[in-house]
C-alpha atoms as a PDB file:
ATOM      1  CA  MET A   1       0.153   0.047  -0.115  1.00  0.00           C
ATOM      2  CA  ASN A   2       0.879   3.465  -0.840  1.00  0.00           C
ATOM      3  CA  LEU A   3       2.894   4.971   2.317  1.00  0.00           C
ATOM      4  CA  ILE A   4       1.176   8.268   2.310  1.00  0.00           C
ATOM      5  CA  ARG A   5      -2.218   6.543   1.653  1.00  0.00           C
ATOM      6  CA  ARG A   6      -1.652   4.362   4.635  1.00  0.00           C
ATOM      7  CA  PHE A   7      -0.505   7.434   6.821  1.00  0.00           C
ATOM      8  CA  PHE A   8      -3.314   9.681   5.736  1.00  0.00           C
ATOM      9  CA  GLY A   9      -5.954   7.214   4.510  1.00  0.00           C
ATOM     10  CA  SER A  10      -7.944   7.547   1.503  1.00  0.00           C
ATOM     11  CA  LYS A  11     -10.260  10.553   0.874  1.00  0.00           C
ATOM     12  CA  LYS A  12     -13.874   9.954   2.027  1.00  0.00           C
ATOM     13  CA  ILE A  13     -16.843  11.526   0.303  1.00  0.00           C
ATOM     14  CA  ASP A  14     -20.596  11.265   0.947  1.00  0.00           C
ATOM     15  CA  CYS A  15     -21.974   8.430  -0.314  1.00  0.00           C
ATOM     16  CA  PRO A  16     -23.988   9.161  -3.687  1.00  0.00           C
ATOM     17  CA  ARG A  17     -26.513   6.460  -3.530  1.00  0.00           C
ATOM     18  CA  CYS A  18     -27.950   7.290  -0.155  1.00  0.00           C
ATOM     19  CA  LEU A  19     -26.549  10.891   0.133  1.00  0.00           C
ATOM     20  CA  GLY A  20     -24.603  10.202   3.279  1.00  0.00           C
ATOM     21  CA  LYS A  21     -27.692   8.879   5.216  1.00  0.00           C
ATOM     22  CA  GLY A  22     -26.300   5.461   5.518  1.00  0.00           C
ATOM     23  CA  HIS A  23     -29.899   3.971   4.415  1.00  0.00           C
ATOM     24  CA  VAL A  24     -31.496   4.098   1.048  1.00  0.00           C
ATOM     25  CA  ASP A  25     -35.131   5.743   1.281  1.00  0.00           C
ATOM     26  CA  TRP A  26     -37.790   5.916  -1.491  1.00  0.00           C
ATOM     27  CA  ASP A  27     -36.506   9.379  -2.549  1.00  0.00           C
ATOM     28  CA  ASP A  28     -33.106   7.701  -3.485  1.00  0.00           C
ATOM     29  CA  ILE A  29     -34.684   4.774  -5.174  1.00  0.00           C
ATOM     30  CA  LYS A  30     -36.660   7.346  -7.387  1.00  0.00           C
ATOM     31  CA  ARG A  31     -33.681   9.350  -8.044  1.00  0.00           C
ATOM     32  CA  LEU A  32     -31.560   6.173  -9.310  1.00  0.00           C
ATOM     33  CA  LYS A  33     -34.662   4.990 -10.970  1.00  0.00           C
ATOM     34  CA  LYS A  34     -34.573   1.622  -9.255  1.00  0.00           C
ATOM     35  CA  GLU A  35     -38.291   1.652  -8.082  1.00  0.00           C
ATOM     36  CA  LEU A  36     -38.929  -2.113  -9.366  1.00  0.00           C
ATOM     37  CA  LYS A  37     -35.565  -3.279  -8.381  1.00  0.00           C
ATOM     38  CA  TRP A  38     -34.672  -2.024  -4.799  1.00  0.00           C
ATOM     39  CA  MET A  39     -36.435  -1.687  -1.626  1.00  0.00           C
ATOM     40  CA  THR A  40     -35.520   0.873   1.288  1.00  0.00           C
ATOM     41  CA  GLY A  41     -33.066  -0.206   3.984  1.00  0.00           C
ATOM     42  CA  PRO A  42     -29.354   0.207   4.748  1.00  0.00           C
ATOM     43  CA  CYS A  43     -27.240   1.351   1.738  1.00  0.00           C
ATOM     44  CA  ALA A  44     -25.218  -1.527   0.345  1.00  0.00           C
ATOM     45  CA  TYR A  45     -23.097   1.010  -1.398  1.00  0.00           C
ATOM     46  CA  CYS A  46     -21.336   2.609   1.776  1.00  0.00           C
ATOM     47  CA  GLU A  47     -22.346  -0.611   3.847  1.00  0.00           C
ATOM     48  CA  GLY A  48     -24.346   1.768   6.046  1.00  0.00           C
ATOM     49  CA  LYS A  49     -21.720   4.145   6.993  1.00  0.00           C
ATOM     50  CA  GLY A  50     -22.820   7.054   4.751  1.00  0.00           C
ATOM     51  CA  LYS A  51     -19.081   7.683   3.611  1.00  0.00           C
ATOM     52  CA  ILE A  52     -17.151   5.837   0.711  1.00  0.00           C
ATOM     53  CA  SER A  53     -13.591   6.339  -0.631  1.00  0.00           C
ATOM     54  CA  ALA A  54     -13.569   8.760  -3.417  1.00  0.00           C
ATOM     55  CA  GLU A  55     -12.390   6.261  -5.767  1.00  0.00           C
ATOM     56  CA  LEU A  56     -15.393   3.767  -5.391  1.00  0.00           C
ATOM     57  CA  PRO A  57     -17.708   5.339  -8.057  1.00  0.00           C
ATOM     58  CA  SER A  58     -14.863   4.685 -10.701  1.00  0.00           C
ATOM     59  CA  LYS A  59     -15.086   1.005  -9.901  1.00  0.00           C
ATOM     60  CA  ILE A  60     -18.467   0.410  -9.468  1.00  0.00           C
ATOM     61  CA  ALA A  61     -21.552   2.377 -10.854  1.00  0.00           C
ATOM     62  CA  VAL A  62     -23.620   4.012  -7.915  1.00  0.00           C
ATOM     63  CA  ASP A  63     -26.799   2.307  -9.508  1.00  0.00           C
ATOM     64  CA  ALA A  64     -25.522  -1.040 -10.051  1.00  0.00           C
ATOM     65  CA  THR A  65     -28.521  -3.165  -9.465  1.00  0.00           C
ATOM     66  CA  TYR A  66     -26.814  -6.258  -8.308  1.00  0.00           C
ATOM     67  CA  LEU A  67     -24.908  -4.323  -5.438  1.00  0.00           C
ATOM     68  CA  THR A  68     -27.571  -4.854  -2.605  1.00  0.00           C
ATOM     69  CA  THR A  69     -27.487  -5.910   0.947  1.00  0.00           C
ATOM     70  CA  ASP A  70     -28.129  -9.492  -0.058  1.00  0.00           C
ATOM     71  CA  LEU A  71     -24.717  -9.652  -1.630  1.00  0.00           C
ATOM     72  CA  SER A  72     -21.850 -11.454   0.297  1.00  0.00           C
ATOM     73  CA  SER A  73     -18.819  -9.622   1.106  1.00  0.00           C
ATOM     74  CA  LYS A  74     -16.764 -11.734  -1.027  1.00  0.00           C
ATOM     75  CA  GLU A  75     -19.005 -11.084  -4.019  1.00  0.00           C
ATOM     76  CA  ARG A  76     -18.941  -7.511  -3.386  1.00  0.00           C
ATOM     77  CA  GLN A  77     -15.301  -7.099  -3.388  1.00  0.00           C
ATOM     78  CA  LYS A  78     -15.222  -9.198  -6.687  1.00  0.00           C
ATOM     79  CA  LEU A  79     -17.399  -6.665  -8.368  1.00  0.00           C
ATOM     80  CA  ILE A  80     -15.382  -3.733  -7.059  1.00  0.00           C
ATOM     81  CA  THR A  81     -12.146  -5.562  -8.584  1.00  0.00           C
ATOM     82  CA  LYS A  82     -14.220  -6.049 -11.901  1.00  0.00           C
ATOM     83  CA  ASP A  83     -13.856  -9.777 -11.585  1.00  0.00           C
ATOM     84  CA  GLU A  84     -15.364 -10.971 -15.068  1.00  0.00           C
ATOM     85  CA  ALA A  85     -17.357 -13.883 -13.555  1.00  0.00           C
ATOM     86  CA  ALA A  86     -19.026 -11.436 -11.096  1.00  0.00           C
ATOM     87  CA  ILE A  87     -19.654  -8.788 -13.481  1.00  0.00           C
ATOM     88  CA  LYS A  88     -21.486 -11.546 -15.924  1.00  0.00           C
ATOM     89  CA  ARG A  89     -23.529 -12.639 -12.646  1.00  0.00           C
ATOM     90  CA  ALA A  90     -24.521  -8.938 -12.192  1.00  0.00           C
ATOM     91  CA  LYS A  91     -25.589  -8.765 -15.767  1.00  0.00           C
ATOM     92  CA  GLU A  92     -27.410 -11.828 -15.829  1.00  0.00           C
ATOM     93  CA  PHE A  93     -29.305 -10.774 -12.297  1.00  0.00           C
ATOM     94  CA  GLU A  94     -30.515  -7.507 -13.903  1.00  0.00           C
ATOM     95  CA  LEU A  95     -31.569  -9.208 -17.010  1.00  0.00           C
ATOM     96  CA  HIS A  96     -33.487 -11.886 -14.978  1.00  0.00           C
ATOM     97  CA  ILE A  97     -35.443  -8.939 -13.201  1.00  0.00           C
ATOM     98  CA  ASP A  98     -36.113  -7.052 -16.418  1.00  0.00           C
ATOM     99  CA  ASN A  99     -37.319 -10.349 -17.982  1.00  0.00           C
ATOM    100  CA  PHE A 100     -39.702 -10.932 -15.004  1.00  0.00           C
ATOM    101  CA  ILE A 101     -41.056  -7.193 -15.298  1.00  0.00           C
ATOM    102  CA  ALA A 102     -41.698  -7.635 -19.133  1.00  0.00           C
ATOM    103  CA  GLN A 103     -43.389 -10.915 -18.569  1.00  0.00           C
ATOM    104  CA  VAL A 104     -45.717  -9.487 -15.604  1.00  0.00           C
ATOM    105  CA  GLU A 105     -46.561  -6.388 -17.856  1.00  0.00           C
ATOM    106  CA  HIS A 106     -47.270  -8.752 -20.957  1.00  0.00           C
ATOM    107  CA  LEU A 107     -49.696 -11.069 -18.598  1.00  0.00           C
ATOM    108  CA  HIS A 108     -51.467  -8.041 -17.178  1.00  0.00           C
ATOM    109  CA  PHE A 109     -51.797  -5.726 -19.980  1.00  0.00           C
ATOM    110  CA  THR A 110     -51.862  -7.952 -22.906  1.00  0.00           C
ATOM    111  CA  THR A 111     -53.794 -11.003 -21.661  1.00  0.00           C
ATOM    112  CA  ASN A 112     -55.589  -9.194 -18.821  1.00  0.00           C
ATOM    113  CA  ILE A 113     -54.577 -11.467 -15.992  1.00  0.00           C
ATOM    114  CA  GLU A 114     -54.907 -10.245 -12.337  1.00  0.00           C
ATOM    115  CA  PRO A 115     -51.901  -9.940 -10.055  1.00  0.00           C
ATOM    116  CA  ASN A 116     -52.902 -12.797  -7.799  1.00  0.00           C
ATOM    117  CA  GLU A 117     -53.326 -15.123 -11.022  1.00  0.00           C
ATOM    118  CA  ILE A 118     -49.839 -13.938 -12.213  1.00  0.00           C
ATOM    119  CA  ALA A 119     -48.440 -15.139  -8.986  1.00  0.00           C
ATOM    120  CA  ASP A 120     -49.890 -18.382  -9.274  1.00  0.00           C
ATOM    121  CA  TYR A 121     -48.720 -18.635 -12.726  1.00  0.00           C
ATOM    122  CA  PHE A 122     -45.076 -18.176 -11.500  1.00  0.00           C
ATOM    123  CA  LEU A 123     -45.292 -20.357  -8.390  1.00  0.00           C
ATOM    124  CA  SER A 124     -47.258 -23.215 -10.614  1.00  0.00           C
ATOM    125  CA  GLY A 125     -43.818 -25.353 -10.873  1.00  0.00           C
ATOM    126  CA  GLN A 126     -43.827 -25.519  -6.883  1.00  0.00           C
ATOM    127  CA  ASN A 127     -45.627 -27.755  -4.601  1.00  0.00           C
ATOM    128  CA  LYS A 128     -48.456 -25.903  -2.878  1.00  0.00           C
ATOM    129  CA  SER A 129     -47.421 -27.304   0.530  1.00  0.00           C
ATOM    130  CA  GLU A 130     -44.086 -25.645   0.052  1.00  0.00           C
ATOM    131  CA  ILE A 131     -45.493 -22.419  -0.857  1.00  0.00           C
ATOM    132  CA  ASP A 132     -44.958 -19.778   1.940  1.00  0.00           C
ATOM    133  CA  LEU A 133     -48.266 -17.403   1.989  1.00  0.00           C
ATOM    134  CA  LYS A 134     -46.016 -14.586   3.213  1.00  0.00           C
ATOM    135  CA  ALA A 135     -43.860 -15.201   0.309  1.00  0.00           C
ATOM    136  CA  LYS A 136     -46.558 -15.443  -2.129  1.00  0.00           C
ATOM    137  CA  ASN A 137     -48.314 -12.050  -0.753  1.00  0.00           C
ATOM    138  CA  GLN A 138     -44.694 -10.356  -1.237  1.00  0.00           C
ATOM    139  CA  LEU A 139     -44.859 -11.684  -4.642  1.00  0.00           C
ATOM    140  CA  ILE A 140     -48.290 -10.276  -5.396  1.00  0.00           C
ATOM    141  CA  ASP A 141     -47.275  -6.799  -3.795  1.00  0.00           C
ATOM    142  CA  TYR A 142     -44.189  -6.872  -6.232  1.00  0.00           C
ATOM    143  CA  ILE A 143     -46.209  -7.552  -9.343  1.00  0.00           C
ATOM    144  CA  GLU A 144     -48.810  -4.796  -8.217  1.00  0.00           C
ATOM    145  CA  ARG A 145     -45.952  -2.388  -7.898  1.00  0.00           C
ATOM    146  CA  ILE A 146     -45.020  -3.281 -11.419  1.00  0.00           C
ATOM    147  CA  ILE A 147     -48.338  -2.683 -12.802  1.00  0.00           C
ATOM    148  CA  LYS A 148     -48.783   0.521 -11.107  1.00  0.00           C
ATOM    149  CA  GLN A 149     -45.559   1.833 -12.263  1.00  0.00           C
ATOM    150  CA  LYS A 150     -46.392   0.937 -15.798  1.00  0.00           C
ATOM    151  CA  THR A 151     -49.846   2.802 -15.135  1.00  0.00           C
ATOM    152  CA  ASP A 152     -48.758   5.833 -13.403  1.00  0.00           C
ATOM    153  CA  PHE A 153     -47.625   7.608 -16.254  1.00  0.00           C
ATOM    154  CA  LYS A 154     -50.183  10.473 -16.962  1.00  0.00           C
ATOM    155  CA  THR A 155     -51.521  10.247 -20.530  1.00  0.00           C
ATOM    156  CA  PRO A 156     -53.312  13.323 -21.687  1.00  0.00           C
ATOM    157  CA  ASP A 157     -56.818  13.418 -22.728  1.00  0.00           C
ATOM    158  CA  PHE A 158     -56.543  13.678 -26.484  1.00  0.00           C
ATOM    159  CA  LYS A 159     -59.271  15.410 -28.318  1.00  0.00           C
ATOM    160  CA  VAL A 160     -58.189  16.001 -31.607  1.00  0.00           C
ATOM    161  CA  ILE A 161     -57.844  12.268 -32.575  1.00  0.00           C
ATOM    162  CA  GLU A 162     -61.425  11.513 -31.555  1.00  0.00           C
ATOM    163  CA  THR A 163     -62.823  13.771 -34.213  1.00  0.00           C
ATOM    164  CA  TYR A 164     -60.020  13.247 -37.097  1.00  0.00           C
ATOM    165  CA  GLN A 165     -61.762  12.029 -40.175  1.00  0.00           C
ATOM    166  CA  HIS A 166     -58.736   9.596 -40.927  1.00  0.00           C
ATOM    167  CA  LYS A 167     -58.436   8.030 -37.578  1.00  0.00           C
ATOM    168  CA  GLU A 168     -59.673   4.657 -38.838  1.00  0.00           C
ATOM    169  CA  LYS A 169     -57.500   4.645 -41.851  1.00  0.00           C
ATOM    170  CA  TYR A 170     -54.076   3.404 -42.717  1.00  0.00           C
ATOM    171  CA  PHE A 171     -50.970   5.038 -44.194  1.00  0.00           C
ATOM    172  CA  ILE A 172     -48.412   3.726 -46.512  1.00  0.00           C
ATOM    173  CA  LYS A 173     -45.132   4.660 -48.337  1.00  0.00           C
ATOM    174  CA  THR A 174     -45.339   6.392 -51.693  1.00  0.00           C
ATOM    175  CA  ALA A 175     -41.767   7.725 -52.323  1.00  0.00           C
ATOM    176  CA  LYS A 176     -38.393   6.201 -53.240  1.00  0.00           C
ATOM    177  CA  TRP A 177     -35.959   6.579 -50.201  1.00  0.00           C
ATOM    178  CA  ASP A 178     -32.440   5.369 -48.998  1.00  0.00           C
ATOM    179  CA  TRP A 179     -30.129   6.071 -45.962  1.00  0.00           C
ATOM    180  CA  LEU A 180     -27.956   9.198 -46.132  1.00  0.00           C
ATOM    181  CA  ASN A 181     -26.017   8.004 -43.019  1.00  0.00           C
ATOM    182  CA  GLU A 182     -26.591   5.811 -40.105  1.00  0.00           C
ATOM    183  CA  GLU A 183     -29.237   8.190 -38.700  1.00  0.00           C
ATOM    184  CA  GLN A 184     -30.969  10.251 -41.764  1.00  0.00           C
ATOM    185  CA  ILE A 185     -32.545   9.184 -44.904  1.00  0.00           C
ATOM    186  CA  PHE A 186     -33.436  11.161 -47.940  1.00  0.00           C
ATOM    187  CA  LEU A 187     -36.158  11.024 -50.616  1.00  0.00           C
ATOM    188  CA  VAL A 188     -35.803  10.560 -54.087  1.00  0.00           C
ATOM    189  CA  GLN A 189     -38.183  12.889 -55.900  1.00  0.00           C
ATOM    190  CA  LYS A 190     -38.487  15.065 -58.894  1.00  0.00           C
ATOM    191  CA  ASP A 191     -38.083  18.934 -59.005  1.00  0.00           C
ATOM    192  CA  ASP A 192     -39.922  21.204 -61.344  1.00  0.00           C
ATOM    193  CA  LYS A 193     -37.804  20.249 -64.167  1.00  0.00           C
ATOM    194  CA  GLN A 194     -38.372  16.618 -63.697  1.00  0.00           C
ATOM    195  CA  LYS A 195     -35.064  16.186 -62.438  1.00  0.00           C
ATOM    196  CA  ASN A 196     -34.276  13.773 -59.412  1.00  0.00           C
ATOM    197  CA  LYS A 197     -33.630  15.694 -56.226  1.00  0.00           C
ATOM    198  CA  MET A 198     -32.790  14.582 -52.628  1.00  0.00           C
ATOM    199  CA  THR A 199     -35.080  15.583 -49.625  1.00  0.00           C
ATOM    200  CA  THR A 200     -34.234  15.214 -45.959  1.00  0.00           C
ATOM    201  CA  MET A 201     -36.799  15.131 -43.070  1.00  0.00           C
ATOM    202  CA  ASP A 202     -36.530  16.036 -39.535  1.00  0.00           C
ATOM    203  CA  PHE A 203     -36.583  13.438 -36.975  1.00  0.00           C
ATOM    204  CA  TRP A 204     -40.160  12.943 -36.306  1.00  0.00           C
ATOM    205  CA  PRO A 205     -41.732  13.122 -39.934  1.00  0.00           C
ATOM    206  CA  GLN A 206     -38.771  10.562 -40.864  1.00  0.00           C
ATOM    207  CA  GLU A 207     -39.761   8.286 -38.106  1.00  0.00           C
ATOM    208  CA  MET A 208     -43.334   8.507 -39.413  1.00  0.00           C
ATOM    209  CA  PHE A 209     -42.379   7.845 -42.924  1.00  0.00           C
ATOM    210  CA  LEU A 210     -40.388   4.535 -41.744  1.00  0.00           C
ATOM    211  CA  ASP A 211     -43.236   3.679 -39.925  1.00  0.00           C
ATOM    212  CA  ALA A 212     -45.711   3.828 -42.777  1.00  0.00           C
ATOM    213  CA  ASP A 213     -46.402  -0.102 -43.314  1.00  0.00           C
ATOM    214  CA  GLY A 214     -50.017   0.093 -44.511  1.00  0.00           C
ATOM    215  CA  LYS A 215     -50.855  -2.156 -41.585  1.00  0.00           C
ATOM    216  CA  THR A 216     -51.592   0.266 -38.543  1.00  0.00           C
ATOM    217  CA  LYS A 217     -54.734   2.548 -38.160  1.00  0.00           C
ATOM    218  CA  ILE A 218     -53.756   6.179 -37.354  1.00  0.00           C
ATOM    219  CA  LYS A 219     -55.430   6.015 -34.331  1.00  0.00           C
ATOM    220  CA  ASP A 220     -53.346   2.991 -33.182  1.00  0.00           C
ATOM    221  CA  TYR A 221     -50.122   4.859 -34.355  1.00  0.00           C
ATOM    222  CA  LEU A 222     -50.997   7.426 -31.778  1.00  0.00           C
ATOM    223  CA  LYS A 223     -50.908   4.780 -29.174  1.00  0.00           C
ATOM    224  CA  LYS A 224     -47.585   3.546 -30.556  1.00  0.00           C
ATOM    225  CA  LEU A 225     -46.037   7.005 -30.072  1.00  0.00           C
ATOM    226  CA  ILE A 226     -47.642   7.157 -26.606  1.00  0.00           C
ATOM    227  CA  GLN A 227     -45.764   4.062 -25.469  1.00  0.00           C
ATOM    228  CA  GLN A 228     -42.466   5.219 -26.962  1.00  0.00           C
ATOM    229  CA  TYR A 229     -42.568   8.245 -24.377  1.00  0.00           C
ATOM    230  CA  LYS A 230     -43.623   6.013 -21.641  1.00  0.00           C
ATOM    231  CA  ASP A 231     -40.858   3.560 -22.433  1.00  0.00           C
ATOM    232  CA  SER A 232     -38.232   6.264 -22.169  1.00  0.00           C
ATOM    233  CA  ASP A 233     -39.697   7.831 -18.960  1.00  0.00           C
ATOM    234  CA  MET A 234     -40.791  11.000 -20.637  1.00  0.00           C
ATOM    235  CA  ASP A 235     -43.901  12.939 -20.232  1.00  0.00           C
ATOM    236  CA  VAL A 236     -46.357  12.645 -23.170  1.00  0.00           C
ATOM    237  CA  PRO A 237     -46.964  16.050 -24.857  1.00  0.00           C
ATOM    238  CA  PRO A 238     -50.730  17.189 -24.434  1.00  0.00           C
ATOM    239  CA  ASP A 239     -50.765  17.848 -28.233  1.00  0.00           C
ATOM    240  CA  LEU A 240     -49.192  14.672 -29.343  1.00  0.00           C
ATOM    241  CA  ASP A 241     -52.227  13.676 -31.441  1.00  0.00           C
ATOM    242  CA  GLU A 242     -52.502  17.083 -33.257  1.00  0.00           C
ATOM    243  CA  PHE A 243     -48.621  16.939 -34.063  1.00  0.00           C
ATOM    244  CA  MET A 244     -48.780  13.459 -35.227  1.00  0.00           C
ATOM    245  CA  ILE A 245     -51.694  14.546 -37.606  1.00  0.00           C
ATOM    246  CA  GLU A 246     -50.155  17.446 -38.990  1.00  0.00           C
ATOM    247  CA  ASN A 247     -47.015  15.526 -39.858  1.00  0.00           C
ATOM    248  CA  LEU A 248     -48.655  12.576 -41.370  1.00  0.00           C
ATOM    249  CA  GLU A 249     -50.677  15.244 -43.436  1.00  0.00           C
ATOM    250  CA  SER A 250     -47.603  17.236 -44.559  1.00  0.00           C
ATOM    251  CA  LEU A 251     -45.945  13.896 -45.475  1.00  0.00           C
ATOM    252  CA  GLU A 252     -49.072  13.285 -47.958  1.00  0.00           C
ATOM    253  CA  SER A 253     -49.681  16.687 -49.135  1.00  0.00           C
ATOM    254  CA  ASP A 254     -46.373  18.583 -49.068  1.00  0.00           C
ATOM    255  CA  LEU A 255     -43.806  15.605 -49.933  1.00  0.00           C
ATOM    256  CA  SER A 256     -46.080  13.016 -51.388  1.00  0.00           C
ATOM    257  CA  ALA A 257     -44.171  10.900 -49.260  1.00  0.00           C
ATOM    258  CA  ILE A 258     -47.084   8.677 -47.982  1.00  0.00           C
ATOM    259  CA  LYS A 259     -50.725   8.126 -48.810  1.00  0.00           C
ATOM    260  CA  ILE A 260     -53.513   7.561 -46.258  1.00  0.00           C
ATOM    261  CA  VAL A 261     -55.577   4.620 -47.315  1.00  0.00           C
ATOM    262  CA  ASP A 262     -58.941   3.230 -46.185  1.00  0.00           C
ATOM    263  CA  GLN A 263     -57.866  -0.497 -46.019  1.00  0.00           C
ATOM    264  CA  PRO A 264     -54.805  -2.274 -44.848  1.00  0.00           C
ATOM    265  CA  THR A 265     -52.454  -2.331 -47.889  1.00  0.00           C
ATOM    266  CA  VAL A 266     -49.229  -4.036 -48.926  1.00  0.00           C
ATOM    267  CA  THR A 267     -46.556  -1.245 -49.465  1.00  0.00           C
ATOM    268  CA  ASN A 268     -44.953  -1.506 -53.164  1.00  0.00           C
ATOM    269  CA  PRO A 269     -41.726  -3.054 -52.579  1.00  0.00           C
ATOM    270  CA  VAL A 270     -40.285  -0.108 -54.673  1.00  0.00           C
ATOM    271  CA  TYR A 271     -41.107   2.191 -51.822  1.00  0.00           C
ATOM    272  CA  GLU A 272     -40.662  -0.242 -48.952  1.00  0.00           C
ATOM    273  CA  ILE A 273     -37.017  -1.076 -49.477  1.00  0.00           C
ATOM    274  CA  PRO A 274     -34.200   1.418 -49.633  1.00  0.00           C
ATOM    275  CA  LEU A 275     -32.866   1.874 -52.979  1.00  0.00           C
ATOM    276  CA  SER A 276     -29.418   0.612 -52.190  1.00  0.00           C
ATOM    277  CA  LYS A 277     -31.140  -2.922 -51.248  1.00  0.00           C
ATOM    278  CA  GLN A 278     -33.103  -3.082 -54.352  1.00  0.00           C
ATOM    279  CA  LYS A 279     -31.869  -5.591 -56.990  1.00  0.00           C
END
């Protein structure tokens, strides 16, 4: 050990996970976006001391899901020293939680199964006599938290889409296109002299053009946009329906890039496939 460090000791700072309290509360959990992955209790990052060495954040992330009080001292040290096997276990641990959350969301929101039935589903492989009632109730509570987290996002009460004359219609691509770079496309169109020209678009018109598959109703496409905001933990704009409609109509009338149609329609491959991929 470095003589100076041994003599003076390493610099200590307030724990960035619990903010120096020595325990993690719901404010900490929300700040670190771990509502479905942690519970309140002694802080595992500083081991309940409120202080950590200044070097620790460079060795392990403050929001490392795997680093909880359930972890052994040996495994904790392996994480800090970046042991490959421990890092792999940490990734698998988080993936397991993410998969469980996704499965609960699917069972409830897609197949309309209630929390107690979802718990029974996950416990179905166990002998009934081995199922602890307290543990089952804890599982149900966790499932309910997952559902609540998903439904807590406030969705505005959209009015424009309700009266929109084309809400039950579909939209398809009607322009040739290709990738300009990894993030941007261009439309191949004719100018006033009937010569080819390249037209680029802002982010949202481009996304809507790429999504024009002829299979999705416009009212259902709004739901897809809403979900994108929710998945990104972003507030849904109150005028999202109006914004979507304006962009779709501009793509059709100003750019002739899409067409709004009455029935599900298969897009012409000439328009569906980028030019560089066409044979």
